[in-house]
Amino acid sequence: MAGTTHQLTGGALGVVGQLLVVLGVALVAVGALGLLRLPDAYLRANAVTKAAALGLVLVLLGTAVLAPGLDAVLVLLVAAALQLFTVPVAGYAVGSAAWRARAPMDPRTQREEGTGPAVDPDGPDGPVGEAPDLRS
């Protein structure tokens, strides 16, 4: 049976696995390029979160296709599932931290109307949930 698995990974299945790995690495590279080129923290967090999550999942799936054993495939699939569940939360946390730290937004960045912290009309302190200014 081990010979059959090796033959499969050398043929069409091997090409599919290698293609998935190459596509995943390309997506991670695009995310890294976005980290270097995008103008503000919000866009950088978005690029890295999306590209790195999908890129790593493609690399893991490609490795699972190329892996010879059931144990390796299960571990790789669990790692891919955990990646899909944790990276969006981490991306949200980075964006939220940037917002609370008042990271400047590039003027070309478009945002939806009505987004941002809620304003308490009765409160003298301004936006609800706003982080205190520790820079002074």
Protein backbone atom coordinates (compact mmCIF):
# COMPACT_ATOMS: atom_id res chain seq x y z
CA MET A 1 0.00 0.00 0.00
CA ALA A 2 2.89 2.40 0.67
CA GLY A 3 3.99 1.96 -2.95
CA THR A 4 0.53 2.98 -4.14
CA THR A 5 0.62 6.18 -2.10
CA HIS A 6 4.06 7.02 -3.46
CA GLN A 7 2.84 6.46 -7.02
CA LEU A 8 -0.14 8.74 -6.42
CA THR A 9 1.98 11.56 -5.03
CA GLY A 10 4.30 11.28 -8.01
CA GLY A 11 1.48 11.59 -10.56
CA ALA A 12 -1.58 13.80 -10.81
CA LEU A 13 -2.07 13.98 -7.06
CA GLY A 14 1.51 15.19 -6.65
CA VAL A 15 0.94 17.93 -9.20
CA VAL A 16 -2.23 19.05 -7.36
CA GLY A 17 -0.39 19.06 -4.02
CA GLN A 18 2.52 21.02 -5.42
CA LEU A 19 0.18 23.49 -7.11
CA LEU A 20 -1.65 24.09 -3.81
CA VAL A 21 1.66 24.69 -2.02
CA VAL A 22 2.88 27.11 -4.70
CA LEU A 23 -0.43 29.03 -4.67
CA GLY A 24 -0.27 29.22 -0.87
CA VAL A 25 3.27 30.56 -0.89
CA ALA A 26 2.26 33.11 -3.55
CA LEU A 27 -0.63 34.31 -1.36
CA VAL A 28 1.66 34.67 1.66
CA ALA A 29 4.07 36.67 -0.55
CA VAL A 30 1.22 38.94 -1.66
CA GLY A 31 0.29 39.48 2.00
CA ALA A 32 3.89 40.39 2.80
CA LEU A 33 3.93 42.81 -0.12
CA GLY A 34 0.70 44.36 1.17
CA LEU A 35 2.29 44.74 4.59
CA LEU A 36 5.11 46.73 3.02
CA ARG A 37 3.12 48.76 0.47
CA LEU A 38 -0.25 49.63 2.00
CA PRO A 39 -0.55 53.08 3.58
CA ASP A 40 -2.13 52.50 6.99
CA ALA A 41 -2.41 49.96 9.80
CA TYR A 42 -6.00 49.00 8.96
CA LEU A 43 -5.26 48.05 5.36
CA ARG A 44 -2.07 46.27 6.36
CA ALA A 45 -3.88 44.18 8.96
CA ASN A 46 -6.56 43.30 6.43
CA ALA A 47 -4.05 42.24 3.77
CA VAL A 48 -1.93 40.16 6.10
CA THR A 49 -4.93 38.51 7.75
CA LYS A 50 -6.61 37.43 4.56
CA ALA A 51 -3.58 36.50 2.48
CA ALA A 52 -1.65 34.76 5.24
CA ALA A 53 -4.66 32.76 6.44
CA LEU A 54 -5.65 31.55 3.00
CA GLY A 55 -2.04 31.07 1.95
CA LEU A 56 -1.17 28.96 4.96
CA VAL A 57 -4.34 26.89 4.55
CA LEU A 58 -3.41 26.21 0.90
CA VAL A 59 0.10 25.20 1.94
CA LEU A 60 -1.31 22.87 4.61
CA LEU A 61 -3.82 21.36 2.19
CA GLY A 62 -1.12 20.86 -0.43
CA THR A 63 1.08 19.19 2.17
CA ALA A 64 -1.86 16.99 3.21
CA VAL A 65 -2.26 15.88 -0.40
CA LEU A 66 1.44 15.10 -0.60
CA ALA A 67 1.64 13.47 2.88
CA PRO A 68 1.75 9.69 2.82
CA GLY A 69 0.00 8.87 6.10
CA LEU A 70 -3.41 9.30 7.68
CA ASP A 71 -1.90 10.76 10.87
CA ALA A 72 -0.12 13.52 8.94
CA VAL A 73 -3.26 14.36 6.96
CA LEU A 74 -5.37 14.61 10.13
CA VAL A 75 -2.84 16.86 11.86
CA LEU A 76 -2.59 19.11 8.79
CA LEU A 77 -6.38 19.37 8.44
CA VAL A 78 -6.76 20.25 12.13
CA ALA A 79 -4.03 22.90 11.74
CA ALA A 80 -5.86 24.35 8.71
CA ALA A 81 -9.17 24.45 10.60
CA LEU A 82 -7.55 26.15 13.59
CA GLN A 83 -5.96 28.67 11.25
CA LEU A 84 -9.34 29.53 9.73
CA PHE A 85 -10.88 30.04 13.18
CA THR A 86 -8.09 32.01 14.85
CA VAL A 87 -6.73 34.34 12.17
CA PRO A 88 -9.92 36.40 11.72
CA VAL A 89 -10.05 36.95 15.48
CA ALA A 90 -6.41 38.04 15.51
CA GLY A 91 -7.00 40.38 12.56
CA TYR A 92 -9.95 41.95 14.35
CA ALA A 93 -7.84 42.37 17.50
CA VAL A 94 -5.08 44.11 15.55
CA GLY A 95 -7.56 46.45 13.85
CA SER A 96 -9.27 47.19 17.15
CA ALA A 97 -5.94 47.91 18.83
CA ALA A 98 -5.02 50.26 15.99
CA TRP A 99 -8.36 52.05 16.37
CA ARG A 100 -7.97 52.40 20.13
CA ALA A 101 -4.41 53.66 19.72
CA ARG A 102 -5.78 56.22 17.25
CA ALA A 103 -3.58 55.00 14.42
CA PRO A 104 -3.93 57.48 11.59
CA MET A 105 -6.08 56.44 8.64
CA ASP A 106 -4.82 57.28 5.18
CA PRO A 107 -7.15 59.83 3.54
CA ARG A 108 -7.55 57.52 0.54
CA THR A 109 -8.91 54.74 2.75
CA GLN A 110 -12.65 54.52 2.34
CA ARG A 111 -14.75 53.62 5.32
CA GLU A 112 -18.43 53.08 5.71
CA GLU A 113 -20.52 55.91 7.10
CA GLY A 114 -21.56 55.42 10.69
CA THR A 115 -18.62 53.21 11.63
CA GLY A 116 -16.42 53.90 14.58
CA PRO A 117 -17.09 54.15 18.29
CA ALA A 118 -20.57 55.04 19.44
CA VAL A 119 -20.99 58.55 20.86
CA ASP A 120 -22.82 59.00 24.13
CA PRO A 121 -24.70 62.31 23.75
CA ASP A 122 -24.96 62.75 27.53
CA GLY A 123 -21.37 61.88 28.32
CA PRO A 124 -18.76 64.63 28.55
CA ASP A 125 -15.93 62.22 27.74
CA GLY A 126 -16.78 61.74 24.07
CA PRO A 127 -16.95 58.37 22.39
CA VAL A 128 -17.95 55.41 24.54
CA GLY A 129 -15.19 52.86 24.93
CA GLU A 130 -12.51 55.27 23.78
CA ALA A 131 -9.07 54.50 25.10
CA PRO A 132 -7.57 57.11 27.43
CA ASP A 133 -4.89 59.31 25.93
CA LEU A 134 -1.66 58.11 27.54
CA ARG A 135 0.61 60.12 25.26
CA SER A 136 0.63 63.28 27.39
